[in-house]
């Protein structure tokens, strides 16, 4: 699954560590989501969407 996490994070001026702290996950988790190596759980995806004030569908999309 692809995501716009890196783009959104950088627009806020946050490091991976800062985003991880806000989401209460590890920096490694943020990195894995950004690189497409890990798909977040549904609760985490909702937290990400709320944090950025966007719908899940506008952040995450299939690789097609």
PDB file of N, CA and C in Angstrom:
ATOM      1  N   UNK A   1       0.839  -1.170   0.000  1.00  0.00           N
ATOM      2  CA  UNK A   1       0.000   0.000   0.000  1.00  0.00           C
ATOM      3  C   UNK A   1       0.891   1.243   0.000  1.00  0.00           C
ATOM      4  N   UNK A   2       0.575   2.186  -0.844  1.00  0.00           N
ATOM      5  CA  UNK A   2       1.300   3.450  -0.887  1.00  0.00           C
ATOM      6  C   UNK A   2       0.614   4.461   0.016  1.00  0.00           C
ATOM      7  N   UNK A   3       1.375   5.428   0.469  1.00  0.00           N
ATOM      8  CA  UNK A   3       0.788   6.460   1.309  1.00  0.00           C
ATOM      9  C   UNK A   3       1.438   7.809   1.021  1.00  0.00           C
ATOM     10  N   UNK A   4       0.789   8.847   1.501  1.00  0.00           N
ATOM     11  CA  UNK A   4       1.299  10.205   1.368  1.00  0.00           C
ATOM     12  C   UNK A   4       1.889  10.684   2.696  1.00  0.00           C
ATOM     13  N   UNK A   5       2.199   9.754   3.590  1.00  0.00           N
ATOM     14  CA  UNK A   5       2.662  10.111   4.931  1.00  0.00           C
ATOM     15  C   UNK A   5       3.896  11.007   4.876  1.00  0.00           C
ATOM     16  N   UNK A   6       4.889  10.627   4.107  1.00  0.00           N
ATOM     17  CA  UNK A   6       6.125  11.426   4.050  1.00  0.00           C
ATOM     18  C   UNK A   6       5.826  12.846   3.589  1.00  0.00           C
ATOM     19  N   UNK A   7       5.059  12.974   2.528  1.00  0.00           N
ATOM     20  CA  UNK A   7       4.695  14.285   1.982  1.00  0.00           C
ATOM     21  C   UNK A   7       3.972  15.135   3.037  1.00  0.00           C
ATOM     22  N   UNK A   8       3.000  14.537   3.715  1.00  0.00           N
ATOM     23  CA  UNK A   8       2.232  15.264   4.728  1.00  0.00           C
ATOM     24  C   UNK A   8       3.102  15.628   5.930  1.00  0.00           C
ATOM     25  N   UNK A   9       3.950  14.702   6.338  1.00  0.00           N
ATOM     26  CA  UNK A   9       4.850  14.941   7.478  1.00  0.00           C
ATOM     27  C   UNK A   9       5.804  16.088   7.160  1.00  0.00           C
ATOM     28  N   UNK A  10       6.415  16.049   5.986  1.00  0.00           N
ATOM     29  CA  UNK A  10       7.359  17.083   5.606  1.00  0.00           C
ATOM     30  C   UNK A  10       6.685  18.448   5.468  1.00  0.00           C
ATOM     31  N   UNK A  11       5.438  18.464   5.005  1.00  0.00           N
ATOM     32  CA  UNK A  11       4.699  19.724   4.894  1.00  0.00           C
ATOM     33  C   UNK A  11       4.492  20.366   6.266  1.00  0.00           C
ATOM     34  N   UNK A  12       4.418  19.540   7.299  1.00  0.00           N
ATOM     35  CA  UNK A  12       4.273  20.041   8.665  1.00  0.00           C
ATOM     36  C   UNK A  12       5.616  20.410   9.287  1.00  0.00           C
ATOM     37  N   UNK A  13       6.704  20.015   8.629  1.00  0.00           N
ATOM     38  CA  UNK A  13       8.030  20.272   9.156  1.00  0.00           C
ATOM     39  C   UNK A  13       8.418  19.334  10.280  1.00  0.00           C
ATOM     40  N   UNK A  14       7.794  18.154  10.319  1.00  0.00           N
ATOM     41  CA  UNK A  14       8.053  17.170  11.372  1.00  0.00           C
ATOM     42  C   UNK A  14       9.079  16.148  10.908  1.00  0.00           C
ATOM     43  N   UNK A  15       9.907  15.710  11.828  1.00  0.00           N
ATOM     44  CA  UNK A  15      10.797  14.579  11.566  1.00  0.00           C
ATOM     45  C   UNK A  15       9.993  13.292  11.752  1.00  0.00           C
ATOM     46  N   UNK A  16      10.583  12.180  11.337  1.00  0.00           N
ATOM     47  CA  UNK A  16       9.916  10.900  11.585  1.00  0.00           C
ATOM     48  C   UNK A  16       9.719  10.683  13.083  1.00  0.00           C
ATOM     49  N   UNK A  17      10.687  11.085  13.873  1.00  0.00           N
ATOM     50  CA  UNK A  17      10.588  10.919  15.329  1.00  0.00           C
ATOM     51  C   UNK A  17       9.449  11.747  15.911  1.00  0.00           C
ATOM     52  N   UNK A  18       9.299  12.966  15.425  1.00  0.00           N
ATOM     53  CA  UNK A  18       8.211  13.822  15.918  1.00  0.00           C
ATOM     54  C   UNK A  18       6.852  13.241  15.557  1.00  0.00           C
ATOM     55  N   UNK A  19       6.713  12.746  14.339  1.00  0.00           N
ATOM     56  CA  UNK A  19       5.450  12.129  13.945  1.00  0.00           C
ATOM     57  C   UNK A  19       5.196  10.885  14.776  1.00  0.00           C
ATOM     58  N   UNK A  20       6.220  10.084  14.966  1.00  0.00           N
ATOM     59  CA  UNK A  20       6.074   8.864  15.769  1.00  0.00           C
ATOM     60  C   UNK A  20       5.593   9.190  17.179  1.00  0.00           C
ATOM     61  N   UNK A  21       6.148  10.237  17.762  1.00  0.00           N
ATOM     62  CA  UNK A  21       5.746  10.632  19.108  1.00  0.00           C
ATOM     63  C   UNK A  21       4.278  11.043  19.134  1.00  0.00           C
ATOM     64  N   UNK A  22       3.851  11.796  18.150  1.00  0.00           N
ATOM     65  CA  UNK A  22       2.450  12.235  18.071  1.00  0.00           C
ATOM     66  C   UNK A  22       1.498  11.060  17.895  1.00  0.00           C
ATOM     67  N   UNK A  23       1.968  10.020  17.192  1.00  0.00           N
ATOM     68  CA  UNK A  23       1.126   8.840  16.941  1.00  0.00           C
ATOM     69  C   UNK A  23       1.308   7.749  17.995  1.00  0.00           C
ATOM     70  N   UNK A  24       2.277   7.937  18.879  1.00  0.00           N
ATOM     71  CA  UNK A  24       2.596   6.963  19.925  1.00  0.00           C
ATOM     72  C   UNK A  24       3.029   5.617  19.329  1.00  0.00           C
ATOM     73  N   UNK A  25       3.913   5.721  18.330  1.00  0.00           N
ATOM     74  CA  UNK A  25       4.534   4.544  17.719  1.00  0.00           C
ATOM     75  C   UNK A  25       6.035   4.815  17.633  1.00  0.00           C
ATOM     76  N   UNK A  26       6.794   3.838  17.200  1.00  0.00           N
ATOM     77  CA  UNK A  26       8.240   4.032  17.061  1.00  0.00           C
ATOM     78  C   UNK A  26       8.561   4.755  15.751  1.00  0.00           C
ATOM     79  N   UNK A  27       9.740   5.357  15.703  1.00  0.00           N
ATOM     80  CA  UNK A  27      10.201   5.981  14.472  1.00  0.00           C
ATOM     81  C   UNK A  27      10.331   4.940  13.368  1.00  0.00           C
ATOM     82  N   UNK A  28      10.718   3.729  13.746  1.00  0.00           N
ATOM     83  CA  UNK A  28      10.858   2.652  12.768  1.00  0.00           C
ATOM     84  C   UNK A  28       9.507   2.329  12.116  1.00  0.00           C
ATOM     85  N   UNK A  29       8.440   2.413  12.891  1.00  0.00           N
ATOM     86  CA  UNK A  29       7.108   2.173  12.341  1.00  0.00           C
ATOM     87  C   UNK A  29       6.764   3.233  11.306  1.00  0.00           C
ATOM     88  N   UNK A  30       7.031   4.487  11.625  1.00  0.00           N
ATOM     89  CA  UNK A  30       6.773   5.576  10.673  1.00  0.00           C
ATOM     90  C   UNK A  30       7.588   5.352   9.406  1.00  0.00           C
ATOM     91  N   UNK A  31       8.860   5.006   9.555  1.00  0.00           N
ATOM     92  CA  UNK A  31       9.711   4.756   8.399  1.00  0.00           C
ATOM     93  C   UNK A  31       9.162   3.612   7.554  1.00  0.00           C
ATOM     94  N   UNK A  32       8.743   2.535   8.195  1.00  0.00           N
ATOM     95  CA  UNK A  32       8.219   1.377   7.466  1.00  0.00           C
ATOM     96  C   UNK A  32       6.933   1.720   6.718  1.00  0.00           C
ATOM     97  N   UNK A  33       6.077   2.548   7.306  1.00  0.00           N
ATOM     98  CA  UNK A  33       4.850   2.970   6.620  1.00  0.00           C
ATOM     99  C   UNK A  33       5.217   3.837   5.417  1.00  0.00           C
ATOM    100  N   UNK A  34       6.143   4.768   5.618  1.00  0.00           N
ATOM    101  CA  UNK A  34       6.532   5.671   4.525  1.00  0.00           C
ATOM    102  C   UNK A  34       7.163   4.921   3.358  1.00  0.00           C
ATOM    103  N   UNK A  35       7.895   3.865   3.634  1.00  0.00           N
ATOM    104  CA  UNK A  35       8.570   3.127   2.565  1.00  0.00           C
ATOM    105  C   UNK A  35       7.725   1.979   2.016  1.00  0.00           C
ATOM    106  N   UNK A  36       6.514   1.816   2.540  1.00  0.00           N
ATOM    107  CA  UNK A  36       5.613   0.778   2.039  1.00  0.00           C
ATOM    108  C   UNK A  36       5.927  -0.613   2.528  1.00  0.00           C
ATOM    109  N   UNK A  37       6.755  -0.725   3.570  1.00  0.00           N
ATOM    110  CA  UNK A  37       7.115  -2.039   4.098  1.00  0.00           C
ATOM    111  C   UNK A  37       6.155  -2.511   5.178  1.00  0.00           C
ATOM    112  N   UNK A  38       5.274  -1.619   5.618  1.00  0.00           N
ATOM    113  CA  UNK A  38       4.335  -1.957   6.691  1.00  0.00           C
ATOM    114  C   UNK A  38       3.030  -1.228   6.440  1.00  0.00           C
ATOM    115  N   UNK A  39       1.921  -1.957   6.502  1.00  0.00           N
ATOM    116  CA  UNK A  39       0.598  -1.357   6.401  1.00  0.00           C
ATOM    117  C   UNK A  39       0.076  -1.141   7.815  1.00  0.00           C
ATOM    118  N   UNK A  40      -0.302   0.089   8.160  1.00  0.00           N
ATOM    119  CA  UNK A  40      -0.761   0.348   9.517  1.00  0.00           C
ATOM    120  C   UNK A  40      -2.078  -0.366   9.807  1.00  0.00           C
ATOM    121  N   UNK A  41      -2.288  -0.647  11.079  1.00  0.00           N
ATOM    122  CA  UNK A  41      -3.576  -1.205  11.498  1.00  0.00           C
ATOM    123  C   UNK A  41      -4.654  -0.154  11.241  1.00  0.00           C
ATOM    124  N   UNK A  42      -5.895  -0.574  11.230  1.00  0.00           N
ATOM    125  CA  UNK A  42      -6.986   0.365  11.005  1.00  0.00           C
ATOM    126  C   UNK A  42      -7.024   1.449  12.084  1.00  0.00           C
ATOM    127  N   UNK A  43      -6.876   1.106  13.371  1.00  0.00           N
ATOM    128  CA  UNK A  43      -6.860   2.181  14.382  1.00  0.00           C
ATOM    129  C   UNK A  43      -5.717   3.184  14.157  1.00  0.00           C
ATOM    130  N   UNK A  44      -4.544   2.698  13.763  1.00  0.00           N
ATOM    131  CA  UNK A  44      -3.423   3.605  13.502  1.00  0.00           C
ATOM    132  C   UNK A  44      -3.706   4.453  12.266  1.00  0.00           C
ATOM    133  N   UNK A  45      -4.291   3.874  11.255  1.00  0.00           N
ATOM    134  CA  UNK A  45      -4.635   4.631  10.046  1.00  0.00           C
ATOM    135  C   UNK A  45      -5.613   5.751  10.385  1.00  0.00           C
ATOM    136  N   UNK A  46      -6.581   5.482  11.263  1.00  0.00           N
ATOM    137  CA  UNK A  46      -7.518   6.521  11.690  1.00  0.00           C
ATOM    138  C   UNK A  46      -6.804   7.612  12.476  1.00  0.00           C
ATOM    139  N   UNK A  47      -5.846   7.248  13.344  1.00  0.00           N
ATOM    140  CA  UNK A  47      -5.091   8.251  14.103  1.00  0.00           C
ATOM    141  C   UNK A  47      -4.294   9.143  13.161  1.00  0.00           C
ATOM    142  N   UNK A  48      -3.686   8.524  12.146  1.00  0.00           N
ATOM    143  CA  UNK A  48      -2.920   9.287  11.162  1.00  0.00           C
ATOM    144  C   UNK A  48      -3.840  10.265  10.433  1.00  0.00           C
ATOM    145  N   UNK A  49      -4.978   9.783   9.984  1.00  0.00           N
ATOM    146  CA  UNK A  49      -5.926  10.632   9.258  1.00  0.00           C
ATOM    147  C   UNK A  49      -6.398  11.792  10.127  1.00  0.00           C
ATOM    148  N   UNK A  50      -6.730  11.519  11.385  1.00  0.00           N
ATOM    149  CA  UNK A  50      -7.168  12.588  12.295  1.00  0.00           C
ATOM    150  C   UNK A  50      -6.053  13.610  12.516  1.00  0.00           C
ATOM    151  N   UNK A  51      -4.839  13.144  12.698  1.00  0.00           N
ATOM    152  CA  UNK A  51      -3.710  14.033  12.948  1.00  0.00           C
ATOM    153  C   UNK A  51      -3.517  15.017  11.793  1.00  0.00           C
ATOM    154  N   UNK A  52      -3.662  14.536  10.574  1.00  0.00           N
ATOM    155  CA  UNK A  52      -3.471  15.393   9.404  1.00  0.00           C
ATOM    156  C   UNK A  52      -4.764  16.051   8.927  1.00  0.00           C
ATOM    157  N   UNK A  53      -5.885  15.735   9.577  1.00  0.00           N
ATOM    158  CA  UNK A  53      -7.164  16.342   9.204  1.00  0.00           C
ATOM    159  C   UNK A  53      -7.626  15.933   7.823  1.00  0.00           C
ATOM    160  N   UNK A  54      -7.400  14.674   7.477  1.00  0.00           N
ATOM    161  CA  UNK A  54      -7.758  14.169   6.147  1.00  0.00           C
ATOM    162  C   UNK A  54      -8.497  12.844   6.263  1.00  0.00           C
ATOM    163  N   UNK A  55      -9.117  12.454   5.174  1.00  0.00           N
ATOM    164  CA  UNK A  55      -9.762  11.144   5.108  1.00  0.00           C
ATOM    165  C   UNK A  55      -8.701  10.086   4.841  1.00  0.00           C
ATOM    166  N   UNK A  56      -8.920   8.893   5.361  1.00  0.00           N
ATOM    167  CA  UNK A  56      -7.970   7.797   5.154  1.00  0.00           C
ATOM    168  C   UNK A  56      -7.701   7.592   3.660  1.00  0.00           C
ATOM    169  N   UNK A  57      -8.759   7.675   2.856  1.00  0.00           N
ATOM    170  CA  UNK A  57      -8.624   7.423   1.425  1.00  0.00           C
ATOM    171  C   UNK A  57      -7.709   8.430   0.736  1.00  0.00           C
ATOM    172  N   UNK A  58      -7.571   9.620   1.321  1.00  0.00           N
ATOM    173  CA  UNK A  58      -6.700  10.621   0.703  1.00  0.00           C
ATOM    174  C   UNK A  58      -5.240  10.443   1.101  1.00  0.00           C
ATOM    175  N   UNK A  59      -4.993   9.562   2.068  1.00  0.00           N
ATOM    176  CA  UNK A  59      -3.629   9.321   2.535  1.00  0.00           C
ATOM    177  C   UNK A  59      -3.097   7.989   2.025  1.00  0.00           C
ATOM    178  N   UNK A  60      -3.923   6.956   2.085  1.00  0.00           N
ATOM    179  CA  UNK A  60      -3.512   5.612   1.690  1.00  0.00           C
ATOM    180  C   UNK A  60      -4.213   5.198   0.404  1.00  0.00           C
ATOM    181  N   UNK A  61      -3.484   4.511  -0.464  1.00  0.00           N
ATOM    182  CA  UNK A  61      -4.081   4.024  -1.708  1.00  0.00           C
ATOM    183  C   UNK A  61      -3.378   2.745  -2.143  1.00  0.00           C
ATOM    184  N   UNK A  62      -4.119   1.955  -2.910  1.00  0.00           N
ATOM    185  CA  UNK A  62      -3.556   0.705  -3.433  1.00  0.00           C
ATOM    186  C   UNK A  62      -2.418   1.012  -4.382  1.00  0.00           C
ATOM    187  N   UNK A  63      -1.580   0.010  -4.586  1.00  0.00           N
ATOM    188  CA  UNK A  63      -0.432   0.170  -5.477  1.00  0.00           C
ATOM    189  C   UNK A  63      -0.809   0.156  -6.945  1.00  0.00           C
ATOM    190  N   UNK A  64      -2.053  -0.139  -7.255  1.00  0.00           N
ATOM    191  CA  UNK A  64      -2.496  -0.218  -8.663  1.00  0.00           C
ATOM    192  C   UNK A  64      -2.289   1.074  -9.396  1.00  0.00           C
TER     193      UNK A  64
END
